[in-house]
Amino acid sequence: MPVDAGALERLVPDEVERAGSTGLETLRLHVERYDFAADQIRERVAEGRVLDLACGVGYGSRRIADRLGLAVSIVGVDVSAAAVEYASRRYADPSVGFAVGDAMGFEPDAPFDAVVSLETIEHLADPAGFVARLARWVRPGGLVVASVPTTPSVDLNPHHLHDFTERSFRSLFAGHGFVEAARLDQTQPVSPLSVLRRGEARMRDTRRNLLGWYARHPGALARRAGATLRHGFVNRYLTVAWRARDPA
């Protein structure tokens, strides 16, 4: 079962383009998030069971395990059977395993000490319901590390269902009893001409007839214009380590 390495939502380190914003540069940002997650787990949890939800082809799960050593065991879960098959061949080892599962349907047999779910929540129809599930999956005092784009993405990426600001993202987790422990801010310059021309392999999935889509979604156009005026031609991302409140 092959993995489509050219898909916008499937990042395969062994096959990324070296140039452009959706290849090596995007991989660098993702790796930086996983390194941040691993460092937070080491500092605040130290050991135990870790879930990497929406793990893709599994490179991040393995990276966490390699940085933390024998202190943790990692379970990577992804909705794509092809991605999980690839992950099991390329990145599994005695401390890292993979399984097929949906973010809104997966049910662990016991709480995790830490849950990592990067660039997931913007894909889901019910973000608040997802965060409520995370609150059940992590033990009291455990850690959740999650990330999201905080500049508009729905207009260009048809796989995204929600735009988030930093405030809306943080409020969503705070409303489910999580306490912010640490954060990572990232900025990625983007060439608007390259996006419009689909000049990179992984841009082939970007939304077509964008002007027509904006005509039907004027609010999205306003959000894009506001973000561009404020930040320029960049994508901004926020990764937060959240502490689950301990009732004690």
C-alpha atoms as a PDB file:
ATOM      1  CA  MET A   1       0.000   0.000   0.000  1.00  0.00           C
ATOM      2  CA  PRO A   2       1.968   3.072  -1.216  1.00  0.00           C
ATOM      3  CA  VAL A   3       2.128   6.411   0.610  1.00  0.00           C
ATOM      4  CA  ASP A   4       1.487   9.458  -1.574  1.00  0.00           C
ATOM      5  CA  ALA A   5       4.550  11.552  -0.717  1.00  0.00           C
ATOM      6  CA  GLY A   6       3.304  14.365  -2.968  1.00  0.00           C
ATOM      7  CA  ALA A   7       0.106  14.955  -1.003  1.00  0.00           C
ATOM      8  CA  LEU A   8      -0.249  18.207   0.900  1.00  0.00           C
ATOM      9  CA  GLU A   9      -1.161  16.375   4.111  1.00  0.00           C
ATOM     10  CA  ARG A  10       1.454  13.617   3.928  1.00  0.00           C
ATOM     11  CA  LEU A  11       5.024  14.580   4.824  1.00  0.00           C
ATOM     12  CA  VAL A  12       7.543  11.789   4.102  1.00  0.00           C
ATOM     13  CA  PRO A  13      11.073  12.805   5.191  1.00  0.00           C
ATOM     14  CA  ASP A  14      12.840  10.422   2.812  1.00  0.00           C
ATOM     15  CA  GLU A  15      11.078  11.973  -0.193  1.00  0.00           C
ATOM     16  CA  VAL A  16      10.637  15.707   0.486  1.00  0.00           C
ATOM     17  CA  GLU A  17      11.806  18.295  -2.028  1.00  0.00           C
ATOM     18  CA  ARG A  18      14.869  20.181  -0.876  1.00  0.00           C
ATOM     19  CA  ALA A  19      13.672  23.554  -2.199  1.00  0.00           C
ATOM     20  CA  GLY A  20      10.494  25.516  -1.561  1.00  0.00           C
ATOM     21  CA  SER A  21       8.360  26.001   1.514  1.00  0.00           C
ATOM     22  CA  THR A  22       6.489  22.668   1.501  1.00  0.00           C
ATOM     23  CA  GLY A  23       9.543  20.426   1.397  1.00  0.00           C
ATOM     24  CA  LEU A  24      12.618  20.562   3.591  1.00  0.00           C
ATOM     25  CA  GLU A  25      11.514  23.796   5.264  1.00  0.00           C
ATOM     26  CA  THR A  26       8.161  22.319   6.314  1.00  0.00           C
ATOM     27  CA  LEU A  27       9.924  19.182   7.563  1.00  0.00           C
ATOM     28  CA  ARG A  28      12.262  21.370   9.640  1.00  0.00           C
ATOM     29  CA  LEU A  29       9.282  23.033  11.326  1.00  0.00           C
ATOM     30  CA  HIS A  30       7.636  19.687  12.074  1.00  0.00           C
ATOM     31  CA  VAL A  31      10.854  18.239  13.498  1.00  0.00           C
ATOM     32  CA  GLU A  32      11.260  21.325  15.673  1.00  0.00           C
ATOM     33  CA  ARG A  33       7.766  20.732  17.093  1.00  0.00           C
ATOM     34  CA  TYR A  34       8.553  17.107  17.863  1.00  0.00           C
ATOM     35  CA  ASP A  35      11.811  18.110  19.533  1.00  0.00           C
ATOM     36  CA  PHE A  36       9.890  20.650  21.621  1.00  0.00           C
ATOM     37  CA  ALA A  37       7.408  17.926  22.595  1.00  0.00           C
ATOM     38  CA  ALA A  38      10.199  15.533  23.561  1.00  0.00           C
ATOM     39  CA  ASP A  39      11.925  18.181  25.673  1.00  0.00           C
ATOM     40  CA  GLN A  40       8.686  18.999  27.488  1.00  0.00           C
ATOM     41  CA  ILE A  41       7.983  15.323  28.150  1.00  0.00           C
ATOM     42  CA  ARG A  42      11.506  14.873  29.540  1.00  0.00           C
ATOM     43  CA  GLU A  43      11.142  17.897  31.800  1.00  0.00           C
ATOM     44  CA  ARG A  44       7.579  17.487  33.014  1.00  0.00           C
ATOM     45  CA  VAL A  45       6.683  13.783  32.714  1.00  0.00           C
ATOM     46  CA  ALA A  46      10.087  12.065  32.501  1.00  0.00           C
ATOM     47  CA  GLU A  47       8.827   8.572  31.661  1.00  0.00           C
ATOM     48  CA  GLY A  48       5.804   6.475  30.767  1.00  0.00           C
ATOM     49  CA  ARG A  49       3.439   5.862  27.862  1.00  0.00           C
ATOM     50  CA  VAL A  50       3.190   8.477  25.106  1.00  0.00           C
ATOM     51  CA  LEU A  51       0.551   8.715  22.383  1.00  0.00           C
ATOM     52  CA  ASP A  52       1.425  10.406  19.079  1.00  0.00           C
ATOM     53  CA  LEU A  53      -2.014  10.982  17.574  1.00  0.00           C
ATOM     54  CA  ALA A  54      -2.189  11.688  13.840  1.00  0.00           C
ATOM     55  CA  CYS A  55       1.402  10.479  13.612  1.00  0.00           C
ATOM     56  CA  GLY A  56       1.537  10.326   9.810  1.00  0.00           C
ATOM     57  CA  VAL A  57       4.369   8.121   8.578  1.00  0.00           C
ATOM     58  CA  GLY A  58       5.853   7.925  12.071  1.00  0.00           C
ATOM     59  CA  TYR A  59       9.098   9.895  11.906  1.00  0.00           C
ATOM     60  CA  GLY A  60       8.022  12.113  14.819  1.00  0.00           C
ATOM     61  CA  SER A  61       7.107   9.187  17.047  1.00  0.00           C
ATOM     62  CA  ARG A  62      10.536   7.687  16.458  1.00  0.00           C
ATOM     63  CA  ARG A  63      12.235  11.046  17.025  1.00  0.00           C
ATOM     64  CA  ILE A  64      10.608  11.407  20.453  1.00  0.00           C
ATOM     65  CA  ALA A  65      11.698   7.888  21.356  1.00  0.00           C
ATOM     66  CA  ASP A  66      15.262   8.483  20.173  1.00  0.00           C
ATOM     67  CA  ARG A  67      15.547  11.701  22.187  1.00  0.00           C
ATOM     68  CA  LEU A  68      14.101  10.176  25.356  1.00  0.00           C
ATOM     69  CA  GLY A  69      15.581   6.694  25.174  1.00  0.00           C
ATOM     70  CA  LEU A  70      14.189   3.848  27.253  1.00  0.00           C
ATOM     71  CA  ALA A  71      12.225   6.150  29.540  1.00  0.00           C
ATOM     72  CA  VAL A  72       9.137   6.057  27.305  1.00  0.00           C
ATOM     73  CA  SER A  73       7.132   3.784  25.065  1.00  0.00           C
ATOM     74  CA  ILE A  74       5.423   5.437  22.081  1.00  0.00           C
ATOM     75  CA  VAL A  75       2.168   4.508  20.373  1.00  0.00           C
ATOM     76  CA  GLY A  76       1.676   6.257  17.022  1.00  0.00           C
ATOM     77  CA  VAL A  77      -1.898   6.332  15.707  1.00  0.00           C
ATOM     78  CA  ASP A  78      -3.042   7.585  12.297  1.00  0.00           C
ATOM     79  CA  VAL A  79      -6.237   7.304  10.266  1.00  0.00           C
ATOM     80  CA  SER A  80      -4.294   6.305   7.127  1.00  0.00           C
ATOM     81  CA  ALA A  81      -3.580   2.586   6.853  1.00  0.00           C
ATOM     82  CA  ALA A  82      -0.932   3.337   4.210  1.00  0.00           C
ATOM     83  CA  ALA A  83       0.865   5.755   6.550  1.00  0.00           C
ATOM     84  CA  VAL A  84       0.771   3.256   9.430  1.00  0.00           C
ATOM     85  CA  GLU A  85       2.092   0.477   7.201  1.00  0.00           C
ATOM     86  CA  TYR A  86       4.963   2.735   6.115  1.00  0.00           C
ATOM     87  CA  ALA A  87       5.638   3.802   9.723  1.00  0.00           C
ATOM     88  CA  SER A  88       5.724   0.189  10.890  1.00  0.00           C
ATOM     89  CA  ARG A  89       8.336  -0.668   8.238  1.00  0.00           C
ATOM     90  CA  ARG A  90      10.474   2.455   8.542  1.00  0.00           C
ATOM     91  CA  TYR A  91      10.281   3.716  12.133  1.00  0.00           C
ATOM     92  CA  ALA A  92       9.053   0.989  14.499  1.00  0.00           C
ATOM     93  CA  ASP A  93      11.378  -0.449  17.128  1.00  0.00           C
ATOM     94  CA  PRO A  94      10.875  -2.126  20.535  1.00  0.00           C
ATOM     95  CA  SER A  95       9.808   1.186  22.109  1.00  0.00           C
ATOM     96  CA  VAL A  96       7.721   2.497  19.165  1.00  0.00           C
ATOM     97  CA  GLY A  97       4.622   0.866  17.672  1.00  0.00           C
ATOM     98  CA  PHE A  98       1.901   2.028  15.313  1.00  0.00           C
ATOM     99  CA  ALA A  99      -1.828   1.433  14.846  1.00  0.00           C
ATOM    100  CA  VAL A 100      -4.633   2.635  12.590  1.00  0.00           C
ATOM    101  CA  GLY A 101      -7.175   4.833  14.352  1.00  0.00           C
ATOM    102  CA  ASP A 102      -9.333   7.917  13.955  1.00  0.00           C
ATOM    103  CA  ALA A 103      -8.807  10.915  16.241  1.00  0.00           C
ATOM    104  CA  MET A 104     -12.499  10.989  17.135  1.00  0.00           C
ATOM    105  CA  GLY A 105     -12.910   7.228  17.410  1.00  0.00           C
ATOM    106  CA  PHE A 106      -9.710   5.990  19.031  1.00  0.00           C
ATOM    107  CA  GLU A 107     -10.161   4.662  22.571  1.00  0.00           C
ATOM    108  CA  PRO A 108      -7.058   3.769  24.613  1.00  0.00           C
ATOM    109  CA  ASP A 109      -7.190   0.961  27.135  1.00  0.00           C
ATOM    110  CA  ALA A 110      -5.550   3.191  29.777  1.00  0.00           C
ATOM    111  CA  PRO A 111      -4.614   6.868  30.140  1.00  0.00           C
ATOM    112  CA  PHE A 112      -1.307   8.087  28.735  1.00  0.00           C
ATOM    113  CA  ASP A 113       1.363  10.037  30.574  1.00  0.00           C
ATOM    114  CA  ALA A 114       1.660  12.347  27.573  1.00  0.00           C
ATOM    115  CA  VAL A 115      -0.254  12.898  24.330  1.00  0.00           C
ATOM    116  CA  VAL A 116       1.278  14.603  21.306  1.00  0.00           C
ATOM    117  CA  SER A 117      -1.006  15.701  18.462  1.00  0.00           C
ATOM    118  CA  LEU A 118       0.524  18.161  16.019  1.00  0.00           C
ATOM    119  CA  GLU A 119      -1.392  19.937  13.234  1.00  0.00           C
ATOM    120  CA  THR A 120      -4.494  17.843  13.914  1.00  0.00           C
ATOM    121  CA  ILE A 121      -7.253  19.952  15.386  1.00  0.00           C
ATOM    122  CA  GLU A 122      -7.799  22.151  12.317  1.00  0.00           C
ATOM    123  CA  HIS A 123      -8.817  19.019  10.381  1.00  0.00           C
ATOM    124  CA  LEU A 124     -11.614  17.995  12.742  1.00  0.00           C
ATOM    125  CA  ALA A 125     -15.291  18.926  12.614  1.00  0.00           C
ATOM    126  CA  ASP A 126     -15.544  19.178  16.420  1.00  0.00           C
ATOM    127  CA  PRO A 127     -12.395  20.750  17.922  1.00  0.00           C
ATOM    128  CA  ALA A 128     -13.960  21.156  21.380  1.00  0.00           C
ATOM    129  CA  GLY A 129     -15.026  17.501  21.376  1.00  0.00           C
ATOM    130  CA  PHE A 130     -11.510  16.482  20.420  1.00  0.00           C
ATOM    131  CA  VAL A 131      -9.948  18.455  23.282  1.00  0.00           C
ATOM    132  CA  ALA A 132     -12.462  16.875  25.663  1.00  0.00           C
ATOM    133  CA  ARG A 133     -11.261  13.467  24.475  1.00  0.00           C
ATOM    134  CA  LEU A 134      -7.639  14.473  25.067  1.00  0.00           C
ATOM    135  CA  ALA A 135      -8.592  15.429  28.620  1.00  0.00           C
ATOM    136  CA  ARG A 136      -9.851  11.868  29.160  1.00  0.00           C
ATOM    137  CA  TRP A 137      -6.850  10.195  27.521  1.00  0.00           C
ATOM    138  CA  VAL A 138      -4.123  11.830  29.594  1.00  0.00           C
ATOM    139  CA  ARG A 139      -3.599  11.043  33.272  1.00  0.00           C
ATOM    140  CA  PRO A 140      -4.060  13.797  35.880  1.00  0.00           C
ATOM    141  CA  GLY A 141      -0.886  15.868  35.913  1.00  0.00           C
ATOM    142  CA  GLY A 142       0.115  14.505  32.514  1.00  0.00           C
ATOM    143  CA  LEU A 143       1.014  16.482  29.416  1.00  0.00           C
ATOM    144  CA  VAL A 144      -0.662  17.279  26.094  1.00  0.00           C
ATOM    145  CA  VAL A 145       1.403  18.895  23.323  1.00  0.00           C
ATOM    146  CA  ALA A 146      -0.629  20.272  20.417  1.00  0.00           C
ATOM    147  CA  SER A 147      -0.001  22.674  17.551  1.00  0.00           C
ATOM    148  CA  VAL A 148      -2.064  24.656  15.069  1.00  0.00           C
ATOM    149  CA  PRO A 149      -1.625  27.284  12.345  1.00  0.00           C
ATOM    150  CA  THR A 150      -2.526  30.698  13.775  1.00  0.00           C
ATOM    151  CA  THR A 151      -2.726  32.445  10.413  1.00  0.00           C
ATOM    152  CA  PRO A 152      -5.550  31.518   8.008  1.00  0.00           C
ATOM    153  CA  SER A 153      -5.214  28.165   6.255  1.00  0.00           C
ATOM    154  CA  VAL A 154      -8.751  27.073   5.327  1.00  0.00           C
ATOM    155  CA  ASP A 155      -8.722  29.192   2.165  1.00  0.00           C
ATOM    156  CA  LEU A 156      -5.677  27.470   0.672  1.00  0.00           C
ATOM    157  CA  ASN A 157      -5.894  24.019   2.241  1.00  0.00           C
ATOM    158  CA  PRO A 158      -9.190  22.207   1.546  1.00  0.00           C
ATOM    159  CA  HIS A 159      -8.293  19.601   4.196  1.00  0.00           C
ATOM    160  CA  HIS A 160      -8.556  22.240   6.949  1.00  0.00           C
ATOM    161  CA  LEU A 161     -11.995  22.924   8.452  1.00  0.00           C
ATOM    162  CA  HIS A 162     -11.150  25.717  10.917  1.00  0.00           C
ATOM    163  CA  ASP A 163      -8.969  28.794  11.181  1.00  0.00           C
ATOM    164  CA  PHE A 164      -7.529  29.469  14.635  1.00  0.00           C
ATOM    165  CA  THR A 165      -5.990  32.503  16.241  1.00  0.00           C
ATOM    166  CA  GLU A 166      -3.603  32.192  19.142  1.00  0.00           C
ATOM    167  CA  ARG A 167      -6.400  33.323  21.466  1.00  0.00           C
ATOM    168  CA  SER A 168      -9.026  30.893  20.183  1.00  0.00           C
ATOM    169  CA  PHE A 169      -6.614  27.957  20.341  1.00  0.00           C
ATOM    170  CA  ARG A 170      -5.471  28.702  23.876  1.00  0.00           C
ATOM    171  CA  SER A 171      -9.033  29.337  25.066  1.00  0.00           C
ATOM    172  CA  LEU A 172     -10.173  25.975  23.729  1.00  0.00           C
ATOM    173  CA  PHE A 173      -7.710  24.068  25.915  1.00  0.00           C
ATOM    174  CA  ALA A 174      -8.086  26.313  28.951  1.00  0.00           C
ATOM    175  CA  GLY A 175     -11.823  25.654  28.794  1.00  0.00           C
ATOM    176  CA  HIS A 176     -11.173  21.935  29.300  1.00  0.00           C
ATOM    177  CA  GLY A 177      -9.015  22.283  32.378  1.00  0.00           C
ATOM    178  CA  PHE A 178      -5.556  22.426  30.803  1.00  0.00           C
ATOM    179  CA  VAL A 179      -2.881  24.788  32.103  1.00  0.00           C
ATOM    180  CA  GLU A 180      -0.286  26.161  29.701  1.00  0.00           C
ATOM    181  CA  ALA A 181       3.243  25.056  30.629  1.00  0.00           C
ATOM    182  CA  ALA A 182       5.364  26.118  27.631  1.00  0.00           C
ATOM    183  CA  ARG A 183       4.988  27.324  24.049  1.00  0.00           C
ATOM    184  CA  LEU A 184       6.838  27.340  20.741  1.00  0.00           C
ATOM    185  CA  ASP A 185       6.169  30.033  18.123  1.00  0.00           C
ATOM    186  CA  GLN A 186       7.172  29.456  14.510  1.00  0.00           C
ATOM    187  CA  THR A 187       7.043  31.588  11.363  1.00  0.00           C
ATOM    188  CA  GLN A 188       7.390  30.312   7.793  1.00  0.00           C
ATOM    189  CA  PRO A 189       7.798  32.729   4.855  1.00  0.00           C
ATOM    190  CA  VAL A 190       5.564  31.857   1.888  1.00  0.00           C
ATOM    191  CA  SER A 191       5.769  32.925  -1.757  1.00  0.00           C
ATOM    192  CA  PRO A 192       2.231  33.863  -2.891  1.00  0.00           C
ATOM    193  CA  LEU A 193       3.272  33.418  -6.528  1.00  0.00           C
ATOM    194  CA  SER A 194       4.446  29.859  -5.865  1.00  0.00           C
ATOM    195  CA  VAL A 195       1.162  29.083  -4.103  1.00  0.00           C
ATOM    196  CA  LEU A 196      -0.954  30.435  -6.973  1.00  0.00           C
ATOM    197  CA  ARG A 197       1.122  28.574  -9.559  1.00  0.00           C
ATOM    198  CA  ARG A 198       1.289  25.384  -7.464  1.00  0.00           C
ATOM    199  CA  GLY A 199       5.014  25.527  -8.062  1.00  0.00           C
ATOM    200  CA  GLU A 200       5.856  22.703  -5.629  1.00  0.00           C
ATOM    201  CA  ALA A 201       4.816  19.063  -5.770  1.00  0.00           C
ATOM    202  CA  ARG A 202       2.974  19.137  -2.440  1.00  0.00           C
ATOM    203  CA  MET A 203       0.945  22.193  -3.518  1.00  0.00           C
ATOM    204  CA  ARG A 204      -1.070  20.251  -6.077  1.00  0.00           C
ATOM    205  CA  ASP A 205      -3.815  19.735  -3.452  1.00  0.00           C
ATOM    206  CA  THR A 206      -4.242  23.439  -2.677  1.00  0.00           C
ATOM    207  CA  ARG A 207      -7.684  24.873  -3.329  1.00  0.00           C
ATOM    208  CA  ARG A 208      -8.566  25.551  -6.944  1.00  0.00           C
ATOM    209  CA  ASN A 209     -10.502  28.598  -8.206  1.00  0.00           C
ATOM    210  CA  LEU A 210      -9.485  30.535  -5.123  1.00  0.00           C
ATOM    211  CA  LEU A 211     -11.090  33.790  -6.292  1.00  0.00           C
ATOM    212  CA  GLY A 212     -14.428  32.027  -6.766  1.00  0.00           C
ATOM    213  CA  TRP A 213     -14.099  30.442  -3.321  1.00  0.00           C
ATOM    214  CA  TYR A 214     -13.408  33.849  -1.773  1.00  0.00           C
ATOM    215  CA  ALA A 215     -16.525  35.209  -3.486  1.00  0.00           C
ATOM    216  CA  ARG A 216     -18.559  32.551  -1.674  1.00  0.00           C
ATOM    217  CA  HIS A 217     -16.647  32.987   1.609  1.00  0.00           C
ATOM    218  CA  PRO A 218     -16.008  36.722   2.094  1.00  0.00           C
ATOM    219  CA  GLY A 219     -15.200  36.243   5.769  1.00  0.00           C
ATOM    220  CA  ALA A 220     -12.246  34.041   4.827  1.00  0.00           C
ATOM    221  CA  LEU A 221     -10.994  36.700   2.432  1.00  0.00           C
ATOM    222  CA  ALA A 222     -11.222  39.280   5.218  1.00  0.00           C
ATOM    223  CA  ARG A 223      -9.237  37.023   7.577  1.00  0.00           C
ATOM    224  CA  ARG A 224      -6.573  36.464   4.925  1.00  0.00           C
ATOM    225  CA  ALA A 225      -6.301  40.177   4.169  1.00  0.00           C
ATOM    226  CA  GLY A 226      -6.073  41.063   7.860  1.00  0.00           C
ATOM    227  CA  ALA A 227      -3.392  38.448   8.555  1.00  0.00           C
ATOM    228  CA  THR A 228      -1.355  39.545   5.537  1.00  0.00           C
ATOM    229  CA  LEU A 229      -1.518  43.198   6.523  1.00  0.00           C
ATOM    230  CA  ARG A 230      -0.446  42.327  10.055  1.00  0.00           C
ATOM    231  CA  HIS A 231       2.213  39.680   9.422  1.00  0.00           C
ATOM    232  CA  GLY A 232       3.095  39.743   5.709  1.00  0.00           C
ATOM    233  CA  PHE A 233       3.329  36.658   3.512  1.00  0.00           C
ATOM    234  CA  VAL A 234       4.016  34.105   6.220  1.00  0.00           C
ATOM    235  CA  ASN A 235       2.427  31.147   7.927  1.00  0.00           C
ATOM    236  CA  ARG A 236       2.513  31.308  11.717  1.00  0.00           C
ATOM    237  CA  TYR A 237       2.232  28.288  14.017  1.00  0.00           C
ATOM    238  CA  LEU A 238       1.805  27.843  17.745  1.00  0.00           C
ATOM    239  CA  THR A 239       2.734  24.695  19.669  1.00  0.00           C
ATOM    240  CA  VAL A 240       1.738  24.534  23.336  1.00  0.00           C
ATOM    241  CA  ALA A 241       2.536  22.049  26.086  1.00  0.00           C
ATOM    242  CA  TRP A 242      -0.548  21.823  28.310  1.00  0.00           C
ATOM    243  CA  ARG A 243      -0.573  20.337  31.783  1.00  0.00           C
ATOM    244  CA  ALA A 244      -3.652  18.330  32.699  1.00  0.00           C
ATOM    245  CA  ARG A 245      -4.893  19.483  36.081  1.00  0.00           C
ATOM    246  CA  ASP A 246      -4.292  17.100  38.915  1.00  0.00           C
ATOM    247  CA  PRO A 247      -7.408  16.924  41.150  1.00  0.00           C
ATOM    248  CA  ALA A 248      -5.135  16.465  44.151  1.00  0.00           C
END
